[in-house]
């Protein structure tokens, strides 16, 4: 069994992004699209910003710390991509007989006529996320990947088949389904 005394990862920060680290645990990332603040105090990961490189390290890591340092690295990398490019998820409105109506209303998305139901259903929209409807597509946009993904999941889960409809998914295919994920401002290919 190999035991490392110290485990370190480096994250390069692009020029137009500023990163502020406080108390070796809180990270605030600012970019052209906005800012994202994350708190990693519950981890035992040491975070530093040295010459536009974020350094993550932990002393005598066990399995838990090894997994946690990779997770923190992924969160910070996603936040950097989010403030630079932004995230966009697409959901497709699918129905066979009863037309589904989707209307964003503030911090909720109203879904009407699902399986011919009379009561509208409401999906929660996480703060900082915009939802718009374009024909048969529902577009979810924002700079925080977790918030955008959670909002899209809330909408999709609300229309999930339950009860007798789950028994025969070929007959009852109605719902909203995620079919594409992309950056809002796609990064250009740099040579």
N, C-alpha and C. Protein backbone atom coordinates (compact mmCIF):
# COMPACT_ATOMS: atom_id res chain seq x y z
N UNK A 1 0.84 -1.17 0.00
CA UNK A 1 0.00 0.00 0.00
C UNK A 1 0.89 1.25 0.00
N UNK A 2 0.66 2.12 -0.97
CA UNK A 2 1.44 3.34 -1.08
C UNK A 2 0.73 4.45 -0.32
N UNK A 3 1.44 5.11 0.56
CA UNK A 3 0.86 6.19 1.36
C UNK A 3 1.57 7.49 0.99
N UNK A 4 0.82 8.45 0.46
CA UNK A 4 1.39 9.72 0.06
C UNK A 4 1.41 10.68 1.26
N UNK A 5 2.50 11.43 1.39
CA UNK A 5 2.58 12.42 2.47
C UNK A 5 1.74 13.64 2.14
N UNK A 6 1.66 13.97 0.84
CA UNK A 6 0.90 15.15 0.44
C UNK A 6 0.36 14.90 -0.96
N UNK A 7 -0.88 15.32 -1.19
CA UNK A 7 -1.50 15.20 -2.51
C UNK A 7 -1.85 16.60 -2.97
N UNK A 8 -1.43 16.95 -4.20
CA UNK A 8 -1.65 18.31 -4.71
C UNK A 8 -2.21 18.28 -6.12
N UNK A 9 -3.06 19.28 -6.42
CA UNK A 9 -3.57 19.51 -7.77
C UNK A 9 -3.48 21.00 -8.06
N UNK A 10 -3.22 21.32 -9.32
CA UNK A 10 -3.18 22.72 -9.75
C UNK A 10 -4.26 22.95 -10.80
N UNK A 11 -4.91 24.12 -10.72
CA UNK A 11 -5.92 24.52 -11.71
C UNK A 11 -5.48 25.84 -12.30
N UNK A 12 -5.28 25.86 -13.62
CA UNK A 12 -4.91 27.10 -14.30
C UNK A 12 -6.13 28.01 -14.39
N UNK A 13 -5.93 29.29 -14.13
CA UNK A 13 -7.01 30.27 -14.19
C UNK A 13 -6.80 31.14 -15.44
N UNK A 14 -7.79 31.24 -16.33
CA UNK A 14 -7.64 32.11 -17.51
C UNK A 14 -7.45 33.57 -17.12
N UNK A 15 -6.93 34.37 -18.06
CA UNK A 15 -6.58 35.76 -17.78
C UNK A 15 -7.78 36.63 -17.40
N UNK A 16 -8.93 36.41 -18.03
CA UNK A 16 -10.09 37.28 -17.76
C UNK A 16 -10.91 36.85 -16.55
N UNK A 17 -10.41 35.91 -15.77
CA UNK A 17 -11.10 35.41 -14.58
C UNK A 17 -10.28 35.80 -13.35
N UNK A 18 -10.96 36.28 -12.30
CA UNK A 18 -10.27 36.56 -11.04
C UNK A 18 -10.79 35.61 -9.97
N UNK A 19 -9.87 35.09 -9.18
CA UNK A 19 -10.21 34.13 -8.12
C UNK A 19 -9.72 34.69 -6.80
N UNK A 20 -10.60 34.69 -5.82
CA UNK A 20 -10.25 35.16 -4.48
C UNK A 20 -10.49 34.01 -3.50
N UNK A 21 -9.45 33.65 -2.74
CA UNK A 21 -9.54 32.57 -1.77
C UNK A 21 -9.44 33.18 -0.38
N UNK A 22 -10.40 32.87 0.50
CA UNK A 22 -10.37 33.37 1.87
C UNK A 22 -10.36 32.20 2.83
N UNK A 23 -9.58 32.32 3.88
CA UNK A 23 -9.48 31.31 4.95
C UNK A 23 -9.09 29.93 4.42
N UNK A 24 -8.40 29.87 3.30
CA UNK A 24 -7.97 28.61 2.68
C UNK A 24 -9.13 27.65 2.42
N UNK A 25 -10.36 28.16 2.39
CA UNK A 25 -11.49 27.26 2.20
C UNK A 25 -12.62 27.83 1.36
N UNK A 26 -12.76 29.15 1.30
CA UNK A 26 -13.83 29.77 0.52
C UNK A 26 -13.26 30.34 -0.76
N UNK A 27 -13.96 30.10 -1.88
CA UNK A 27 -13.48 30.54 -3.18
C UNK A 27 -14.56 31.39 -3.83
N UNK A 28 -14.16 32.57 -4.35
CA UNK A 28 -15.07 33.43 -5.11
C UNK A 28 -14.44 33.65 -6.49
N UNK A 29 -15.18 33.25 -7.53
CA UNK A 29 -14.69 33.32 -8.90
C UNK A 29 -15.52 34.33 -9.66
N UNK A 30 -14.84 35.33 -10.26
CA UNK A 30 -15.52 36.38 -11.02
C UNK A 30 -15.07 36.31 -12.46
N UNK A 31 -16.03 36.48 -13.37
CA UNK A 31 -15.73 36.45 -14.79
C UNK A 31 -16.65 37.37 -15.56
N UNK A 32 -16.61 37.29 -16.90
CA UNK A 32 -17.43 38.18 -17.72
C UNK A 32 -18.93 37.99 -17.53
N UNK A 33 -19.38 36.80 -17.14
CA UNK A 33 -20.82 36.54 -17.01
C UNK A 33 -21.35 36.71 -15.59
N UNK A 34 -20.47 36.85 -14.61
CA UNK A 34 -20.94 37.00 -13.23
C UNK A 34 -19.94 36.41 -12.25
N UNK A 35 -20.43 36.10 -11.05
CA UNK A 35 -19.55 35.52 -10.03
C UNK A 35 -20.23 34.35 -9.34
N UNK A 36 -19.39 33.42 -8.90
CA UNK A 36 -19.85 32.25 -8.16
C UNK A 36 -18.99 32.13 -6.91
N UNK A 37 -19.62 31.98 -5.76
CA UNK A 37 -18.90 31.79 -4.50
C UNK A 37 -19.20 30.40 -3.97
N UNK A 38 -18.15 29.69 -3.57
CA UNK A 38 -18.30 28.34 -3.02
C UNK A 38 -17.53 28.26 -1.71
N UNK A 39 -18.08 27.51 -0.77
CA UNK A 39 -17.45 27.34 0.53
C UNK A 39 -17.07 25.87 0.70
N UNK A 40 -15.79 25.61 0.92
CA UNK A 40 -15.30 24.25 1.09
C UNK A 40 -14.74 24.05 2.50
N UNK A 41 -15.31 24.73 3.51
CA UNK A 41 -14.83 24.60 4.88
C UNK A 41 -15.02 23.20 5.44
N UNK A 42 -16.04 22.51 5.00
CA UNK A 42 -16.32 21.18 5.53
C UNK A 42 -15.29 20.14 5.07
N UNK A 43 -14.48 20.49 4.07
CA UNK A 43 -13.43 19.58 3.61
C UNK A 43 -12.14 19.91 4.34
N UNK A 44 -11.19 19.00 4.30
CA UNK A 44 -9.88 19.28 4.86
C UNK A 44 -8.89 19.50 3.72
N UNK A 45 -9.35 20.27 2.74
CA UNK A 45 -8.53 20.58 1.58
C UNK A 45 -8.00 22.00 1.74
N UNK A 46 -6.72 22.19 1.55
CA UNK A 46 -6.07 23.50 1.65
C UNK A 46 -6.08 24.12 0.25
N UNK A 47 -6.66 25.34 0.12
CA UNK A 47 -6.80 26.00 -1.17
C UNK A 47 -6.02 27.30 -1.15
N UNK A 48 -5.18 27.52 -2.20
CA UNK A 48 -4.40 28.74 -2.32
C UNK A 48 -4.48 29.24 -3.75
N UNK A 49 -4.34 30.57 -3.92
CA UNK A 49 -4.25 31.18 -5.24
C UNK A 49 -2.85 31.77 -5.35
N UNK A 50 -1.99 31.14 -6.17
CA UNK A 50 -0.61 31.58 -6.33
C UNK A 50 -0.36 31.87 -7.81
N UNK A 51 -0.15 33.12 -8.15
CA UNK A 51 0.17 33.53 -9.53
C UNK A 51 -0.84 33.00 -10.54
N UNK A 52 -2.11 33.22 -10.27
CA UNK A 52 -3.20 32.79 -11.16
C UNK A 52 -3.26 31.28 -11.35
N UNK A 53 -2.83 30.54 -10.37
CA UNK A 53 -2.96 29.09 -10.34
C UNK A 53 -3.55 28.73 -8.99
N UNK A 54 -4.66 27.99 -9.01
CA UNK A 54 -5.28 27.55 -7.76
C UNK A 54 -4.63 26.23 -7.37
N UNK A 55 -4.08 26.20 -6.17
CA UNK A 55 -3.39 25.01 -5.68
C UNK A 55 -4.25 24.36 -4.60
N UNK A 56 -4.58 23.10 -4.82
CA UNK A 56 -5.33 22.30 -3.85
C UNK A 56 -4.37 21.29 -3.26
N UNK A 57 -4.38 21.14 -1.93
CA UNK A 57 -3.50 20.16 -1.32
C UNK A 57 -4.13 19.61 -0.05
N UNK A 58 -3.67 18.42 0.32
CA UNK A 58 -4.11 17.79 1.57
C UNK A 58 -2.94 16.97 2.11
N UNK A 59 -2.83 16.90 3.44
CA UNK A 59 -1.74 16.17 4.08
C UNK A 59 -2.19 14.76 4.44
N UNK A 60 -1.35 13.79 4.20
CA UNK A 60 -1.60 12.39 4.51
C UNK A 60 -3.02 11.96 4.12
N UNK A 61 -3.33 11.99 2.84
CA UNK A 61 -4.70 11.72 2.41
C UNK A 61 -5.10 10.25 2.57
N UNK A 62 -6.30 10.06 3.02
CA UNK A 62 -6.92 8.74 3.02
C UNK A 62 -7.80 8.66 1.79
N UNK A 63 -8.52 7.60 1.64
CA UNK A 63 -9.38 7.43 0.47
C UNK A 63 -10.39 8.56 0.35
N UNK A 64 -10.96 8.95 1.48
CA UNK A 64 -11.97 10.02 1.49
C UNK A 64 -11.38 11.35 1.00
N UNK A 65 -10.19 11.71 1.49
CA UNK A 65 -9.57 12.96 1.08
C UNK A 65 -9.16 12.92 -0.39
N UNK A 66 -8.73 11.77 -0.88
CA UNK A 66 -8.37 11.65 -2.30
C UNK A 66 -9.59 11.90 -3.18
N UNK A 67 -10.72 11.34 -2.81
CA UNK A 67 -11.94 11.56 -3.58
C UNK A 67 -12.40 13.00 -3.45
N UNK A 68 -12.28 13.56 -2.25
CA UNK A 68 -12.75 14.91 -1.99
C UNK A 68 -11.94 15.96 -2.74
N UNK A 69 -10.64 15.77 -2.85
CA UNK A 69 -9.82 16.76 -3.56
C UNK A 69 -10.16 16.77 -5.05
N UNK A 70 -10.50 15.62 -5.61
CA UNK A 70 -10.96 15.56 -7.00
C UNK A 70 -12.30 16.24 -7.18
N UNK A 71 -13.18 16.09 -6.21
CA UNK A 71 -14.50 16.73 -6.27
C UNK A 71 -14.37 18.24 -6.18
N UNK A 72 -13.53 18.73 -5.26
CA UNK A 72 -13.32 20.17 -5.12
C UNK A 72 -12.71 20.73 -6.40
N UNK A 73 -11.77 19.99 -6.99
CA UNK A 73 -11.15 20.44 -8.25
C UNK A 73 -12.21 20.56 -9.35
N UNK A 74 -13.12 19.58 -9.44
CA UNK A 74 -14.17 19.61 -10.45
C UNK A 74 -15.13 20.78 -10.21
N UNK A 75 -15.50 21.05 -8.96
CA UNK A 75 -16.39 22.17 -8.65
C UNK A 75 -15.77 23.50 -9.07
N UNK A 76 -14.49 23.68 -8.77
CA UNK A 76 -13.82 24.93 -9.11
C UNK A 76 -13.67 25.06 -10.62
N UNK A 77 -13.32 23.98 -11.31
CA UNK A 77 -13.20 24.02 -12.77
C UNK A 77 -14.54 24.32 -13.43
N UNK A 78 -15.63 23.74 -12.92
CA UNK A 78 -16.97 24.03 -13.45
C UNK A 78 -17.36 25.49 -13.21
N UNK A 79 -16.98 26.04 -12.05
CA UNK A 79 -17.29 27.44 -11.77
C UNK A 79 -16.51 28.37 -12.71
N UNK A 80 -15.26 28.03 -12.99
CA UNK A 80 -14.46 28.85 -13.92
C UNK A 80 -15.08 28.81 -15.31
N UNK A 81 -15.47 27.62 -15.78
CA UNK A 81 -16.13 27.52 -17.09
C UNK A 81 -17.46 28.24 -17.09
N UNK A 82 -18.17 28.21 -15.98
CA UNK A 82 -19.48 28.85 -15.89
C UNK A 82 -19.41 30.36 -15.99
N UNK A 83 -18.47 30.99 -15.27
CA UNK A 83 -18.39 32.45 -15.32
C UNK A 83 -17.78 32.93 -16.63
N UNK A 84 -17.10 32.04 -17.34
CA UNK A 84 -16.53 32.43 -18.64
C UNK A 84 -17.48 32.15 -19.79
N UNK A 85 -18.11 30.97 -19.80
CA UNK A 85 -18.95 30.56 -20.93
C UNK A 85 -20.43 30.45 -20.59
N UNK A 86 -20.80 30.00 -19.40
CA UNK A 86 -22.19 29.76 -19.03
C UNK A 86 -22.65 28.39 -19.50
N UNK A 87 -23.76 27.90 -18.94
CA UNK A 87 -24.29 26.58 -19.27
C UNK A 87 -25.71 26.69 -19.79
N UNK A 88 -26.06 25.79 -20.71
CA UNK A 88 -27.41 25.77 -21.29
C UNK A 88 -27.84 24.30 -21.44
N UNK A 89 -29.03 23.98 -20.90
CA UNK A 89 -29.61 22.65 -21.04
C UNK A 89 -30.89 22.79 -21.86
N UNK A 90 -31.14 21.81 -22.72
CA UNK A 90 -32.35 21.78 -23.54
C UNK A 90 -33.22 20.61 -23.09
N UNK A 91 -34.52 20.86 -22.93
CA UNK A 91 -35.49 19.81 -22.66
C UNK A 91 -36.51 19.81 -23.79
N UNK A 92 -36.91 18.63 -24.22
CA UNK A 92 -37.90 18.48 -25.30
C UNK A 92 -39.26 18.17 -24.67
N UNK A 93 -40.30 18.88 -25.13
CA UNK A 93 -41.67 18.60 -24.70
C UNK A 93 -42.21 17.50 -25.61
N UNK A 94 -42.56 16.35 -25.02
CA UNK A 94 -43.04 15.20 -25.78
C UNK A 94 -44.43 14.83 -25.29
N UNK A 95 -45.38 14.69 -26.24
CA UNK A 95 -46.72 14.24 -25.88
C UNK A 95 -47.32 13.51 -27.08
N UNK A 96 -48.26 12.60 -26.79
CA UNK A 96 -48.89 11.85 -27.87
C UNK A 96 -50.32 12.32 -28.14
N UNK A 97 -51.06 12.68 -27.09
CA UNK A 97 -52.45 13.06 -27.30
C UNK A 97 -52.76 14.41 -26.66
N UNK A 98 -52.48 14.55 -25.37
CA UNK A 98 -52.80 15.78 -24.65
C UNK A 98 -51.63 16.75 -24.77
N UNK A 99 -51.81 17.90 -25.42
CA UNK A 99 -50.69 18.84 -25.57
C UNK A 99 -50.29 19.46 -24.23
N UNK A 100 -49.01 19.37 -23.92
CA UNK A 100 -48.48 19.91 -22.67
C UNK A 100 -48.13 21.38 -22.88
N UNK A 101 -48.55 22.23 -21.92
CA UNK A 101 -48.22 23.65 -21.97
C UNK A 101 -47.22 23.95 -20.84
N UNK A 102 -46.14 24.63 -21.19
CA UNK A 102 -45.10 24.97 -20.22
C UNK A 102 -44.94 26.49 -20.20
N UNK A 103 -45.06 27.08 -19.00
CA UNK A 103 -44.93 28.53 -18.83
C UNK A 103 -44.02 28.84 -17.66
N UNK A 104 -42.89 29.51 -17.88
CA UNK A 104 -42.07 29.96 -16.74
C UNK A 104 -42.77 31.11 -16.02
N UNK A 105 -42.85 31.03 -14.69
CA UNK A 105 -43.50 32.06 -13.88
C UNK A 105 -42.62 32.36 -12.68
N UNK A 106 -41.74 33.36 -12.81
CA UNK A 106 -40.88 33.73 -11.69
C UNK A 106 -39.89 32.64 -11.35
N UNK A 107 -39.97 32.14 -10.10
CA UNK A 107 -39.05 31.10 -9.68
C UNK A 107 -39.66 29.70 -9.79
N UNK A 108 -40.69 29.55 -10.62
CA UNK A 108 -41.32 28.26 -10.86
C UNK A 108 -41.62 28.10 -12.35
N UNK A 109 -41.75 26.86 -12.77
CA UNK A 109 -42.18 26.54 -14.14
C UNK A 109 -43.52 25.84 -14.02
N UNK A 110 -44.54 26.39 -14.68
CA UNK A 110 -45.89 25.83 -14.61
C UNK A 110 -46.09 24.88 -15.79
N UNK A 111 -46.46 23.63 -15.49
CA UNK A 111 -46.70 22.61 -16.51
C UNK A 111 -48.17 22.23 -16.44
N UNK A 112 -48.89 22.45 -17.55
CA UNK A 112 -50.33 22.20 -17.59
C UNK A 112 -50.66 21.09 -18.58
N UNK A 113 -51.77 20.41 -18.33
CA UNK A 113 -52.35 19.41 -19.22
C UNK A 113 -51.46 18.18 -19.40
N UNK A 114 -50.66 17.84 -18.37
CA UNK A 114 -49.84 16.63 -18.42
C UNK A 114 -50.76 15.42 -18.26
N UNK A 115 -50.78 14.55 -19.24
CA UNK A 115 -51.69 13.39 -19.30
C UNK A 115 -53.15 13.81 -19.21
N UNK A 116 -53.46 15.03 -19.62
CA UNK A 116 -54.83 15.52 -19.59
C UNK A 116 -55.29 15.94 -18.22
N UNK A 117 -54.36 16.08 -17.27
CA UNK A 117 -54.71 16.46 -15.90
C UNK A 117 -55.19 17.90 -15.82
N UNK A 118 -56.10 18.15 -14.90
CA UNK A 118 -56.66 19.50 -14.77
C UNK A 118 -55.82 20.40 -13.88
N UNK A 119 -55.10 19.80 -12.92
CA UNK A 119 -54.30 20.60 -12.01
C UNK A 119 -52.93 20.88 -12.62
N UNK A 120 -52.50 22.13 -12.61
CA UNK A 120 -51.13 22.39 -13.10
C UNK A 120 -50.10 21.91 -12.08
N UNK A 121 -48.92 21.58 -12.57
CA UNK A 121 -47.82 21.18 -11.70
C UNK A 121 -46.75 22.26 -11.78
N UNK A 122 -46.01 22.43 -10.69
CA UNK A 122 -45.00 23.48 -10.62
C UNK A 122 -43.64 22.88 -10.29
N UNK A 123 -42.64 23.22 -11.09
CA UNK A 123 -41.26 22.80 -10.84
C UNK A 123 -40.47 24.00 -10.34
N UNK A 124 -39.63 23.77 -9.36
CA UNK A 124 -38.85 24.84 -8.75
C UNK A 124 -37.67 25.23 -9.65
N UNK A 125 -37.44 26.54 -9.79
CA UNK A 125 -36.29 27.07 -10.52
C UNK A 125 -35.30 27.59 -9.49
N UNK A 126 -34.06 27.12 -9.55
CA UNK A 126 -33.02 27.53 -8.60
C UNK A 126 -32.60 28.97 -8.91
N UNK A 127 -32.21 29.72 -7.88
CA UNK A 127 -31.80 31.12 -8.05
C UNK A 127 -30.66 31.24 -9.06
N UNK A 128 -30.72 32.27 -9.89
CA UNK A 128 -29.67 32.53 -10.86
C UNK A 128 -29.83 31.79 -12.17
N UNK A 129 -30.97 31.13 -12.37
CA UNK A 129 -31.22 30.34 -13.58
C UNK A 129 -32.39 30.95 -14.33
N UNK A 130 -32.29 31.02 -15.66
CA UNK A 130 -33.37 31.52 -16.50
C UNK A 130 -33.95 30.36 -17.29
N UNK A 131 -35.28 30.32 -17.39
CA UNK A 131 -35.98 29.29 -18.15
C UNK A 131 -36.83 29.99 -19.20
N UNK A 132 -36.73 29.52 -20.45
CA UNK A 132 -37.58 30.05 -21.51
C UNK A 132 -38.06 28.90 -22.39
N UNK A 133 -39.19 29.13 -23.05
CA UNK A 133 -39.80 28.11 -23.91
C UNK A 133 -39.69 28.59 -25.35
N UNK A 134 -39.21 27.71 -26.23
CA UNK A 134 -39.06 28.02 -27.65
C UNK A 134 -39.68 26.88 -28.44
N UNK A 135 -40.98 26.99 -28.76
CA UNK A 135 -41.67 25.92 -29.49
C UNK A 135 -41.80 24.68 -28.61
N UNK A 136 -41.21 23.57 -29.06
CA UNK A 136 -41.24 22.32 -28.29
C UNK A 136 -40.02 22.16 -27.39
N UNK A 137 -39.19 23.19 -27.28
CA UNK A 137 -37.99 23.11 -26.45
C UNK A 137 -38.12 24.03 -25.25
N UNK A 138 -37.63 23.55 -24.11
CA UNK A 138 -37.50 24.36 -22.91
C UNK A 138 -36.01 24.57 -22.71
N UNK A 139 -35.58 25.82 -22.61
CA UNK A 139 -34.16 26.14 -22.50
C UNK A 139 -33.88 26.66 -21.09
N UNK A 140 -32.91 26.03 -20.42
CA UNK A 140 -32.52 26.39 -19.06
C UNK A 140 -31.09 26.91 -19.13
N UNK A 141 -30.86 28.17 -18.66
CA UNK A 141 -29.55 28.80 -18.78
C UNK A 141 -29.10 29.38 -17.45
N UNK A 142 -27.78 29.41 -17.26
CA UNK A 142 -27.19 30.03 -16.08
C UNK A 142 -25.70 29.83 -16.05
N UNK A 143 -25.03 30.42 -15.03
CA UNK A 143 -23.58 30.28 -14.95
C UNK A 143 -23.16 29.19 -13.98
N UNK A 144 -24.03 28.78 -13.08
CA UNK A 144 -23.71 27.73 -12.11
C UNK A 144 -24.21 26.39 -12.65
N UNK A 145 -23.29 25.48 -12.94
CA UNK A 145 -23.64 24.20 -13.55
C UNK A 145 -24.59 23.40 -12.65
N UNK A 146 -24.36 23.45 -11.34
CA UNK A 146 -25.21 22.70 -10.42
C UNK A 146 -26.64 23.24 -10.41
N UNK A 147 -26.78 24.56 -10.42
CA UNK A 147 -28.11 25.17 -10.39
C UNK A 147 -28.86 24.89 -11.69
N UNK A 148 -28.16 25.00 -12.83
CA UNK A 148 -28.81 24.73 -14.13
C UNK A 148 -29.22 23.25 -14.20
N UNK A 149 -28.33 22.36 -13.81
CA UNK A 149 -28.65 20.93 -13.84
C UNK A 149 -29.77 20.57 -12.89
N UNK A 150 -29.80 21.18 -11.71
CA UNK A 150 -30.87 20.89 -10.75
C UNK A 150 -32.21 21.38 -11.24
N UNK A 151 -32.24 22.55 -11.87
CA UNK A 151 -33.50 23.08 -12.41
C UNK A 151 -34.02 22.17 -13.52
N UNK A 152 -33.14 21.75 -14.43
CA UNK A 152 -33.55 20.84 -15.51
C UNK A 152 -34.03 19.51 -14.93
N UNK A 153 -33.36 19.02 -13.90
CA UNK A 153 -33.78 17.77 -13.26
C UNK A 153 -35.12 17.92 -12.56
N UNK A 154 -35.37 19.08 -11.93
CA UNK A 154 -36.66 19.33 -11.28
C UNK A 154 -37.80 19.27 -12.30
N UNK A 155 -37.57 19.87 -13.48
CA UNK A 155 -38.61 19.87 -14.52
C UNK A 155 -38.83 18.46 -15.04
N UNK A 156 -37.74 17.74 -15.33
CA UNK A 156 -37.87 16.39 -15.87
C UNK A 156 -38.50 15.44 -14.85
N UNK A 157 -38.10 15.54 -13.59
CA UNK A 157 -38.63 14.65 -12.55
C UNK A 157 -40.12 14.89 -12.31
N UNK A 158 -40.57 16.14 -12.44
CA UNK A 158 -41.98 16.46 -12.23
C UNK A 158 -42.87 15.73 -13.24
N UNK A 159 -42.36 15.51 -14.44
CA UNK A 159 -43.17 14.88 -15.48
C UNK A 159 -42.89 13.38 -15.61
N UNK A 160 -42.11 12.81 -14.68
CA UNK A 160 -41.78 11.38 -14.73
C UNK A 160 -43.04 10.54 -14.59
N UNK A 161 -43.06 9.41 -15.28
CA UNK A 161 -44.24 8.55 -15.24
C UNK A 161 -44.33 7.83 -13.90
N UNK A 162 -45.54 7.81 -13.36
CA UNK A 162 -45.77 7.15 -12.08
C UNK A 162 -47.02 6.29 -12.19
N UNK A 163 -47.12 5.35 -11.28
CA UNK A 163 -48.32 4.52 -11.21
C UNK A 163 -48.51 3.66 -12.44
N UNK A 164 -49.74 3.62 -12.97
CA UNK A 164 -50.05 2.74 -14.10
C UNK A 164 -49.34 3.17 -15.38
N UNK A 165 -49.00 4.46 -15.50
CA UNK A 165 -48.30 4.92 -16.70
C UNK A 165 -46.89 4.37 -16.78
N UNK A 166 -46.28 4.12 -15.63
CA UNK A 166 -44.93 3.58 -15.61
C UNK A 166 -44.91 2.14 -16.12
N UNK A 167 -46.03 1.45 -16.00
CA UNK A 167 -46.10 0.05 -16.43
C UNK A 167 -45.97 -0.08 -17.94
N UNK A 168 -46.45 0.92 -18.67
CA UNK A 168 -46.43 0.84 -20.13
C UNK A 168 -45.85 2.13 -20.72
N UNK A 169 -44.50 2.25 -20.71
CA UNK A 169 -43.89 3.50 -21.20
C UNK A 169 -44.06 3.71 -22.70
N UNK A 170 -44.37 2.66 -23.46
CA UNK A 170 -44.57 2.85 -24.90
C UNK A 170 -45.90 3.55 -25.16
N UNK A 171 -46.89 3.29 -24.34
CA UNK A 171 -48.20 3.90 -24.50
C UNK A 171 -48.19 5.33 -23.97
N UNK A 172 -47.58 5.52 -22.79
CA UNK A 172 -47.56 6.82 -22.15
C UNK A 172 -46.15 7.39 -22.22
N UNK A 173 -45.87 8.17 -23.23
CA UNK A 173 -44.52 8.71 -23.41
C UNK A 173 -44.46 10.20 -23.11
N UNK A 174 -45.52 10.77 -22.55
CA UNK A 174 -45.57 12.20 -22.32
C UNK A 174 -44.54 12.63 -21.27
N UNK A 175 -44.04 13.86 -21.43
CA UNK A 175 -43.12 14.42 -20.45
C UNK A 175 -42.17 15.41 -21.07
N UNK A 176 -41.24 15.90 -20.25
CA UNK A 176 -40.16 16.77 -20.69
C UNK A 176 -38.86 16.04 -20.41
N UNK A 177 -37.99 15.97 -21.42
CA UNK A 177 -36.79 15.16 -21.32
C UNK A 177 -35.57 15.97 -21.74
N UNK A 178 -34.48 15.88 -20.97
CA UNK A 178 -33.23 16.55 -21.31
C UNK A 178 -32.64 15.85 -22.52
N UNK A 179 -32.30 16.63 -23.56
CA UNK A 179 -31.72 16.01 -24.74
C UNK A 179 -30.41 16.64 -25.19
N UNK A 180 -30.02 17.79 -24.61
CA UNK A 180 -28.76 18.40 -25.01
C UNK A 180 -28.24 19.31 -23.91
N UNK A 181 -26.91 19.35 -23.76
CA UNK A 181 -26.24 20.23 -22.81
C UNK A 181 -25.09 20.90 -23.56
N UNK A 182 -24.94 22.22 -23.36
CA UNK A 182 -23.86 22.93 -24.04
C UNK A 182 -23.48 24.19 -23.29
N UNK A 183 -22.40 24.84 -23.74
CA UNK A 183 -22.04 26.15 -23.21
C UNK A 183 -22.90 27.21 -23.88
N UNK A 184 -23.23 28.28 -23.14
CA UNK A 184 -24.00 29.38 -23.74
C UNK A 184 -23.14 30.13 -24.76
N UNK A 185 -21.93 30.47 -24.38
CA UNK A 185 -20.98 31.12 -25.28
C UNK A 185 -19.88 30.11 -25.56
N UNK A 186 -20.04 29.35 -26.61
CA UNK A 186 -19.13 28.24 -26.90
C UNK A 186 -17.69 28.71 -27.00
N UNK A 187 -16.77 27.98 -26.35
CA UNK A 187 -15.35 28.37 -26.44
C UNK A 187 -14.84 28.16 -27.85
N UNK A 188 -14.03 29.10 -28.31
CA UNK A 188 -13.46 28.97 -29.65
C UNK A 188 -12.24 28.04 -29.61
N UNK A 189 -11.99 27.39 -30.70
CA UNK A 189 -10.83 26.49 -30.81
C UNK A 189 -9.57 27.35 -30.91
N UNK A 190 -8.71 27.21 -29.91
CA UNK A 190 -7.48 27.98 -29.91
C UNK A 190 -6.34 27.08 -30.34
N UNK A 191 -5.56 27.55 -31.29
CA UNK A 191 -4.46 26.74 -31.83
C UNK A 191 -3.20 26.91 -31.03
